[in-house]
Amino acid sequence: SELRKLPGVGDYTAAAIAAIAFDVAATPVDGNVER
């Protein structure tokens, strides 16, 4: 929620940063994951 308040950070990018950088159980869905 705090990440999404930053410029240029949408749902996908917020989830990716939360999961990868902070090991939060978030789910970013890019083209690879979607497929």
All heavy atoms as atom14 arrays in JSON, in Angstrom:
{
  "sequence": "SELRKLPGVGDYTAAAIAAIAFDVAATPVDGNVER",
  "atom14_mask": [
    [1, 1, 1, 1, 1, 1, 0, 0, 0, 0, 0, 0, 0, 0],
    [1, 1, 1, 1, 1, 1, 1, 1, 1, 0, 0, 0, 0, 0],
    [1, 1, 1, 1, 1, 1, 1, 1, 0, 0, 0, 0, 0, 0],
    [1, 1, 1, 1, 1, 1, 1, 1, 1, 1, 1, 0, 0, 0],
    [1, 1, 1, 1, 1, 1, 1, 1, 1, 0, 0, 0, 0, 0],
    [1, 1, 1, 1, 1, 1, 1, 1, 0, 0, 0, 0, 0, 0],
    [1, 1, 1, 1, 1, 1, 1, 0, 0, 0, 0, 0, 0, 0],
    [1, 1, 1, 1, 0, 0, 0, 0, 0, 0, 0, 0, 0, 0],
    [1, 1, 1, 1, 1, 1, 1, 0, 0, 0, 0, 0, 0, 0],
    [1, 1, 1, 1, 0, 0, 0, 0, 0, 0, 0, 0, 0, 0],
    [1, 1, 1, 1, 1, 1, 1, 1, 0, 0, 0, 0, 0, 0],
    [1, 1, 1, 1, 1, 1, 1, 1, 1, 1, 1, 1, 0, 0],
    [1, 1, 1, 1, 1, 1, 1, 0, 0, 0, 0, 0, 0, 0],
    [1, 1, 1, 1, 1, 0, 0, 0, 0, 0, 0, 0, 0, 0],
    [1, 1, 1, 1, 1, 0, 0, 0, 0, 0, 0, 0, 0, 0],
    [1, 1, 1, 1, 1, 0, 0, 0, 0, 0, 0, 0, 0, 0],
    [1, 1, 1, 1, 1, 1, 1, 1, 0, 0, 0, 0, 0, 0],
    [1, 1, 1, 1, 1, 0, 0, 0, 0, 0, 0, 0, 0, 0],
    [1, 1, 1, 1, 1, 0, 0, 0, 0, 0, 0, 0, 0, 0],
    [1, 1, 1, 1, 1, 1, 1, 1, 0, 0, 0, 0, 0, 0],
    [1, 1, 1, 1, 1, 0, 0, 0, 0, 0, 0, 0, 0, 0],
    [1, 1, 1, 1, 1, 1, 1, 1, 1, 1, 1, 0, 0, 0],
    [1, 1, 1, 1, 1, 1, 1, 1, 0, 0, 0, 0, 0, 0],
    [1, 1, 1, 1, 1, 1, 1, 0, 0, 0, 0, 0, 0, 0],
    [1, 1, 1, 1, 1, 0, 0, 0, 0, 0, 0, 0, 0, 0],
    [1, 1, 1, 1, 1, 0, 0, 0, 0, 0, 0, 0, 0, 0],
    [1, 1, 1, 1, 1, 1, 1, 0, 0, 0, 0, 0, 0, 0],
    [1, 1, 1, 1, 1, 1, 1, 0, 0, 0, 0, 0, 0, 0],
    [1, 1, 1, 1, 1, 1, 1, 0, 0, 0, 0, 0, 0, 0],
    [1, 1, 1, 1, 1, 1, 1, 1, 0, 0, 0, 0, 0, 0],
    [1, 1, 1, 1, 0, 0, 0, 0, 0, 0, 0, 0, 0, 0],
    [1, 1, 1, 1, 1, 1, 1, 1, 0, 0, 0, 0, 0, 0],
    [1, 1, 1, 1, 1, 1, 1, 0, 0, 0, 0, 0, 0, 0],
    [1, 1, 1, 1, 1, 1, 1, 1, 1, 0, 0, 0, 0, 0],
    [1, 1, 1, 1, 1, 1, 1, 1, 1, 1, 1, 0, 0, 0]
  ],
  "atom14_positions": [
    [[0.82, -1.21, 0.0], [0.0, 0.0, 0.0], [0.86, 1.26, 0.0], [0.55, 2.24, -0.7], [-0.94, 0.0, 1.21], [-0.21, -0.02, 2.42], [0.0, 0.0, 0.0], [0.0, 0.0, 0.0], [0.0, 0.0, 0.0], [0.0, 0.0, 0.0], [0.0, 0.0, 0.0], [0.0, 0.0, 0.0], [0.0, 0.0, 0.0], [0.0, 0.0, 0.0]],
    [[1.96, 1.26, 0.76], [2.84, 2.42, 0.77], [3.64, 2.51, -0.53], [3.88, 3.61, -1.04], [3.79, 2.35, 1.97], [3.14, 2.66, 3.3], [2.56, 4.06, 3.35], [3.25, 5.01, 2.96], [1.4, 4.2, 3.78], [0.0, 0.0, 0.0], [0.0, 0.0, 0.0], [0.0, 0.0, 0.0], [0.0, 0.0, 0.0], [0.0, 0.0, 0.0]],
    [[4.04, 1.39, -1.06], [4.77, 1.39, -2.33], [3.92, 1.96, -3.46], [4.42, 2.68, -4.33], [5.22, -0.02, -2.67], [6.39, -0.57, -1.85], [6.5, -2.08, -2.0], [7.7, 0.11, -2.27], [0.0, 0.0, 0.0], [0.0, 0.0, 0.0], [0.0, 0.0, 0.0], [0.0, 0.0, 0.0], [0.0, 0.0, 0.0], [0.0, 0.0, 0.0]],
    [[2.63, 1.64, -3.45], [1.75, 2.13, -4.52], [1.57, 3.64, -4.5], [1.14, 4.22, -5.5], [0.38, 1.45, -4.43], [0.34, 0.05, -5.03], [-1.09, -0.41, -5.23], [-1.75, -0.6, -3.96], [-1.81, -1.76, -3.28], [-1.23, -2.83, -3.79], [-2.45, -1.84, -2.15], [0.0, 0.0, 0.0], [0.0, 0.0, 0.0], [0.0, 0.0, 0.0]],
    [[1.91, 4.29, -3.42], [1.8, 5.74, -3.33], [2.97, 6.45, -4.0], [2.94, 7.68, -4.18], [1.72, 6.17, -1.87], [0.47, 5.68, -1.15], [0.49, 6.09, 0.32], [-0.72, 5.52, 1.07], [-0.67, 5.86, 2.51], [0.0, 0.0, 0.0], [0.0, 0.0, 0.0], [0.0, 0.0, 0.0], [0.0, 0.0, 0.0], [0.0, 0.0, 0.0]],
    [[4.0, 5.71, -4.37], [5.17, 6.31, -5.0], [4.94, 6.53, -6.48], [4.24, 5.73, -7.13], [6.39, 5.39, -4.79], [6.84, 5.19, -3.34], [7.91, 4.11, -3.28], [7.35, 6.5, -2.75], [0.0, 0.0, 0.0], [0.0, 0.0, 0.0], [0.0, 0.0, 0.0], [0.0, 0.0, 0.0], [0.0, 0.0, 0.0], [0.0, 0.0, 0.0]],
    [[5.52, 7.57, -7.07], [5.34, 7.84, -8.51], [5.81, 6.66, -9.36], [6.89, 6.1, -9.14], [6.22, 9.07, -8.75], [6.33, 9.73, -7.43], [6.33, 8.63, -6.42], [0.0, 0.0, 0.0], [0.0, 0.0, 0.0], [0.0, 0.0, 0.0], [0.0, 0.0, 0.0], [0.0, 0.0, 0.0], [0.0, 0.0, 0.0], [0.0, 0.0, 0.0]],
    [[4.97, 6.28, -10.31], [5.34, 5.23, -11.25], [5.26, 3.82, -10.71], [5.64, 2.87, -11.41], [0.0, 0.0, 0.0], [0.0, 0.0, 0.0], [0.0, 0.0, 0.0], [0.0, 0.0, 0.0], [0.0, 0.0, 0.0], [0.0, 0.0, 0.0], [0.0, 0.0, 0.0], [0.0, 0.0, 0.0], [0.0, 0.0, 0.0], [0.0, 0.0, 0.0]],
    [[4.78, 3.64, -9.5], [4.68, 2.31, -8.9], [3.21, 1.89, -8.87], [2.43, 2.39, -8.06], [5.28, 2.26, -7.48], [5.11, 0.88, -6.86], [6.76, 2.64, -7.52], [0.0, 0.0, 0.0], [0.0, 0.0, 0.0], [0.0, 0.0, 0.0], [0.0, 0.0, 0.0], [0.0, 0.0, 0.0], [0.0, 0.0, 0.0], [0.0, 0.0, 0.0]],
    [[2.84, 0.98, -9.75], [1.48, 0.46, -9.79], [1.36, -0.83, -9.03], [2.26, -1.23, -8.28], [0.0, 0.0, 0.0], [0.0, 0.0, 0.0], [0.0, 0.0, 0.0], [0.0, 0.0, 0.0], [0.0, 0.0, 0.0], [0.0, 0.0, 0.0], [0.0, 0.0, 0.0], [0.0, 0.0, 0.0], [0.0, 0.0, 0.0], [0.0, 0.0, 0.0]],
    [[0.25, -1.52, -9.24], [-0.02, -2.76, -8.5], [1.06, -3.81, -8.73], [1.54, -4.44, -7.78], [-1.38, -3.33, -8.91], [-2.54, -2.48, -8.43], [-2.31, -1.6, -7.58], [-3.67, -2.67, -8.92], [0.0, 0.0, 0.0], [0.0, 0.0, 0.0], [0.0, 0.0, 0.0], [0.0, 0.0, 0.0], [0.0, 0.0, 0.0], [0.0, 0.0, 0.0]],
    [[1.44, -4.01, -10.0], [2.43, -5.04, -10.28], [3.79, -4.71, -9.63], [4.38, -5.54, -8.94], [2.64, -5.22, -11.79], [3.9, -6.0, -12.06], [3.91, -7.39, -11.92], [5.1, -5.36, -12.38], [5.09, -8.11, -12.1], [6.27, -6.07, -12.55], [6.26, -7.44, -12.41], [7.42, -8.15, -12.56], [0.0, 0.0, 0.0], [0.0, 0.0, 0.0]],
    [[4.27, -3.49, -9.84], [5.59, -3.12, -9.33], [5.62, -3.14, -7.81], [6.61, -3.57, -7.2], [6.0, -1.74, -9.86], [5.9, -1.74, -11.29], [7.42, -1.4, -9.47], [0.0, 0.0, 0.0], [0.0, 0.0, 0.0], [0.0, 0.0, 0.0], [0.0, 0.0, 0.0], [0.0, 0.0, 0.0], [0.0, 0.0, 0.0], [0.0, 0.0, 0.0]],
    [[4.54, -2.68, -7.17], [4.48, -2.71, -5.71], [4.56, -4.15, -5.2], [5.27, -4.45, -4.23], [3.18, -2.05, -5.23], [0.0, 0.0, 0.0], [0.0, 0.0, 0.0], [0.0, 0.0, 0.0], [0.0, 0.0, 0.0], [0.0, 0.0, 0.0], [0.0, 0.0, 0.0], [0.0, 0.0, 0.0], [0.0, 0.0, 0.0], [0.0, 0.0, 0.0]],
    [[3.82, -5.05, -5.85], [3.85, -6.46, -5.43], [5.23, -7.06, -5.66], [5.73, -7.84, -4.83], [2.78, -7.24, -6.18], [0.0, 0.0, 0.0], [0.0, 0.0, 0.0], [0.0, 0.0, 0.0], [0.0, 0.0, 0.0], [0.0, 0.0, 0.0], [0.0, 0.0, 0.0], [0.0, 0.0, 0.0], [0.0, 0.0, 0.0], [0.0, 0.0, 0.0]],
    [[5.87, -6.72, -6.78], [7.19, -7.27, -7.08], [8.23, -6.81, -6.06], [9.04, -7.61, -5.58], [7.61, -6.87, -8.49], [0.0, 0.0, 0.0], [0.0, 0.0, 0.0], [0.0, 0.0, 0.0], [0.0, 0.0, 0.0], [0.0, 0.0, 0.0], [0.0, 0.0, 0.0], [0.0, 0.0, 0.0], [0.0, 0.0, 0.0], [0.0, 0.0, 0.0]],
    [[8.23, -5.52, -5.72], [9.18, -5.01, -4.74], [8.92, -5.63, -3.37], [9.86, -6.06, -2.68], [9.12, -3.48, -4.66], [9.52, -2.86, -6.0], [10.01, -2.95, -3.55], [9.26, -1.36, -6.09], [0.0, 0.0, 0.0], [0.0, 0.0, 0.0], [0.0, 0.0, 0.0], [0.0, 0.0, 0.0], [0.0, 0.0, 0.0], [0.0, 0.0, 0.0]],
    [[7.66, -5.68, -2.97], [7.32, -6.26, -1.66], [7.77, -7.71, -1.56], [8.35, -8.13, -0.56], [5.81, -6.14, -1.42], [0.0, 0.0, 0.0], [0.0, 0.0, 0.0], [0.0, 0.0, 0.0], [0.0, 0.0, 0.0], [0.0, 0.0, 0.0], [0.0, 0.0, 0.0], [0.0, 0.0, 0.0], [0.0, 0.0, 0.0], [0.0, 0.0, 0.0]],
    [[7.51, -8.48, -2.6], [7.85, -9.91, -2.57], [9.35, -10.12, -2.66], [9.94, -10.83, -1.84], [7.13, -10.63, -3.7], [0.0, 0.0, 0.0], [0.0, 0.0, 0.0], [0.0, 0.0, 0.0], [0.0, 0.0, 0.0], [0.0, 0.0, 0.0], [0.0, 0.0, 0.0], [0.0, 0.0, 0.0], [0.0, 0.0, 0.0], [0.0, 0.0, 0.0]],
    [[9.99, -9.54, -3.67], [11.39, -9.84, -3.96], [12.33, -9.17, -2.97], [13.29, -9.78, -2.49], [11.74, -9.44, -5.4], [10.88, -10.24, -6.39], [13.21, -9.67, -5.68], [10.98, -9.76, -7.83], [0.0, 0.0, 0.0], [0.0, 0.0, 0.0], [0.0, 0.0, 0.0], [0.0, 0.0, 0.0], [0.0, 0.0, 0.0], [0.0, 0.0, 0.0]],
    [[12.06, -7.89, -2.65], [12.97, -7.16, -1.77], [12.73, -7.43, -0.3], [13.66, -7.42, 0.51], [12.85, -5.66, -2.05], [0.0, 0.0, 0.0], [0.0, 0.0, 0.0], [0.0, 0.0, 0.0], [0.0, 0.0, 0.0], [0.0, 0.0, 0.0], [0.0, 0.0, 0.0], [0.0, 0.0, 0.0], [0.0, 0.0, 0.0], [0.0, 0.0, 0.0]],
    [[11.45, -7.69, 0.07], [11.12, -7.81, 1.49], [10.49, -9.15, 1.87], [10.11, -9.36, 3.02], [10.17, -6.66, 1.89], [10.77, -5.3, 1.67], [10.36, -4.5, 0.6], [11.76, -4.81, 2.51], [10.9, -3.25, 0.39], [12.31, -3.55, 2.3], [11.89, -2.76, 1.24], [0.0, 0.0, 0.0], [0.0, 0.0, 0.0], [0.0, 0.0, 0.0]],
    [[10.39, -10.08, 0.92], [9.87, -11.43, 1.15], [8.45, -11.4, 1.73], [8.07, -12.24, 2.56], [10.79, -12.22, 2.08], [10.79, -13.71, 1.74], [10.56, -14.06, 0.58], [11.03, -14.52, 2.66], [0.0, 0.0, 0.0], [0.0, 0.0, 0.0], [0.0, 0.0, 0.0], [0.0, 0.0, 0.0], [0.0, 0.0, 0.0], [0.0, 0.0, 0.0]],
    [[7.66, -10.45, 1.27], [6.24, -10.37, 1.63], [5.46, -11.29, 0.69], [5.8, -11.45, -0.48], [5.74, -8.92, 1.5], [4.23, -8.83, 1.69], [6.46, -8.02, 2.5], [0.0, 0.0, 0.0], [0.0, 0.0, 0.0], [0.0, 0.0, 0.0], [0.0, 0.0, 0.0], [0.0, 0.0, 0.0], [0.0, 0.0, 0.0], [0.0, 0.0, 0.0]],
    [[4.42, -11.92, 1.2], [3.62, -12.84, 0.38], [2.73, -12.06, -0.57], [1.49, -12.04, -0.44], [2.79, -13.75, 1.28], [0.0, 0.0, 0.0], [0.0, 0.0, 0.0], [0.0, 0.0, 0.0], [0.0, 0.0, 0.0], [0.0, 0.0, 0.0], [0.0, 0.0, 0.0], [0.0, 0.0, 0.0], [0.0, 0.0, 0.0], [0.0, 0.0, 0.0]],
    [[3.35, -11.41, -1.53], [2.64, -10.65, -2.55], [2.76, -11.4, -3.88], [3.64, -12.24, -4.05], [3.22, -9.25, -2.66], [0.0, 0.0, 0.0], [0.0, 0.0, 0.0], [0.0, 0.0, 0.0], [0.0, 0.0, 0.0], [0.0, 0.0, 0.0], [0.0, 0.0, 0.0], [0.0, 0.0, 0.0], [0.0, 0.0, 0.0], [0.0, 0.0, 0.0]],
    [[1.88, -11.05, -4.83], [1.83, -11.81, -6.09], [1.87, -10.88, -7.29], [0.83, -10.48, -7.81], [0.55, -12.68, -6.15], [0.44, -13.44, -4.95], [0.61, -13.63, -7.35], [0.0, 0.0, 0.0], [0.0, 0.0, 0.0], [0.0, 0.0, 0.0], [0.0, 0.0, 0.0], [0.0, 0.0, 0.0], [0.0, 0.0, 0.0], [0.0, 0.0, 0.0]],
    [[3.06, -10.54, -7.77], [3.15, -9.78, -9.02], [2.93, -10.71, -10.2], [3.47, -11.82, -10.25], [4.59, -9.25, -9.01], [5.35, -10.24, -8.19], [4.38, -10.78, -7.17], [0.0, 0.0, 0.0], [0.0, 0.0, 0.0], [0.0, 0.0, 0.0], [0.0, 0.0, 0.0], [0.0, 0.0, 0.0], [0.0, 0.0, 0.0], [0.0, 0.0, 0.0]],
    [[2.13, -10.27, -11.16], [1.83, -11.11, -12.33], [2.3, -10.38, -13.57], [1.64, -9.48, -14.08], [0.32, -11.44, -12.42], [0.03, -12.29, -13.65], [-0.15, -12.16, -11.16], [0.0, 0.0, 0.0], [0.0, 0.0, 0.0], [0.0, 0.0, 0.0], [0.0, 0.0, 0.0], [0.0, 0.0, 0.0], [0.0, 0.0, 0.0], [0.0, 0.0, 0.0]],
    [[3.49, -10.76, -14.07], [3.97, -10.22, -15.33], [3.58, -11.18, -16.45], [2.83, -12.13, -16.25], [5.49, -9.99, -15.28], [6.29, -11.28, -15.19], [5.69, -12.37, -15.08], [7.53, -11.2, -15.23], [0.0, 0.0, 0.0], [0.0, 0.0, 0.0], [0.0, 0.0, 0.0], [0.0, 0.0, 0.0], [0.0, 0.0, 0.0], [0.0, 0.0, 0.0]],
    [[4.09, -10.93, -17.66], [3.71, -11.78, -18.79], [4.13, -13.22, -18.62], [3.4, -14.15, -19.02], [0.0, 0.0, 0.0], [0.0, 0.0, 0.0], [0.0, 0.0, 0.0], [0.0, 0.0, 0.0], [0.0, 0.0, 0.0], [0.0, 0.0, 0.0], [0.0, 0.0, 0.0], [0.0, 0.0, 0.0], [0.0, 0.0, 0.0], [0.0, 0.0, 0.0]],
    [[5.29, -13.45, -18.01], [5.75, -14.81, -17.79], [4.86, -15.56, -16.8], [4.46, -16.69, -17.04], [7.2, -14.81, -17.29], [8.19, -14.46, -18.38], [8.06, -14.91, -19.51], [9.18, -13.66, -18.05], [0.0, 0.0, 0.0], [0.0, 0.0, 0.0], [0.0, 0.0, 0.0], [0.0, 0.0, 0.0], [0.0, 0.0, 0.0], [0.0, 0.0, 0.0]],
    [[4.56, -14.91, -15.68], [3.71, -15.54, -14.66], [2.3, -15.77, -15.23], [1.69, -16.82, -15.0], [3.65, -14.68, -13.39], [2.66, -15.26, -12.39], [5.04, -14.56, -12.77], [0.0, 0.0, 0.0], [0.0, 0.0, 0.0], [0.0, 0.0, 0.0], [0.0, 0.0, 0.0], [0.0, 0.0, 0.0], [0.0, 0.0, 0.0], [0.0, 0.0, 0.0]],
    [[1.81, -14.81, -15.96], [0.49, -14.93, -16.58], [0.39, -16.17, -17.47], [-0.58, -16.92, -17.41], [0.23, -13.67, -17.39], [-1.18, -13.5, -17.91], [-1.35, -12.14, -18.56], [-0.75, -11.92, -19.62], [-2.08, -11.29, -18.0], [0.0, 0.0, 0.0], [0.0, 0.0, 0.0], [0.0, 0.0, 0.0], [0.0, 0.0, 0.0], [0.0, 0.0, 0.0]],
    [[1.43, -16.39, -18.26], [1.45, -17.53, -19.17], [1.53, -18.85, -18.4], [0.82, -19.82, -18.71], [2.63, -17.4, -20.13], [2.7, -18.47, -21.19], [3.7, -18.12, -22.25], [5.04, -17.89, -21.72], [5.6, -16.69, -21.56], [4.94, -15.59, -21.9], [6.82, -16.56, -21.08], [0.0, 0.0, 0.0], [0.0, 0.0, 0.0], [0.0, 0.0, 0.0]]
  ]
}
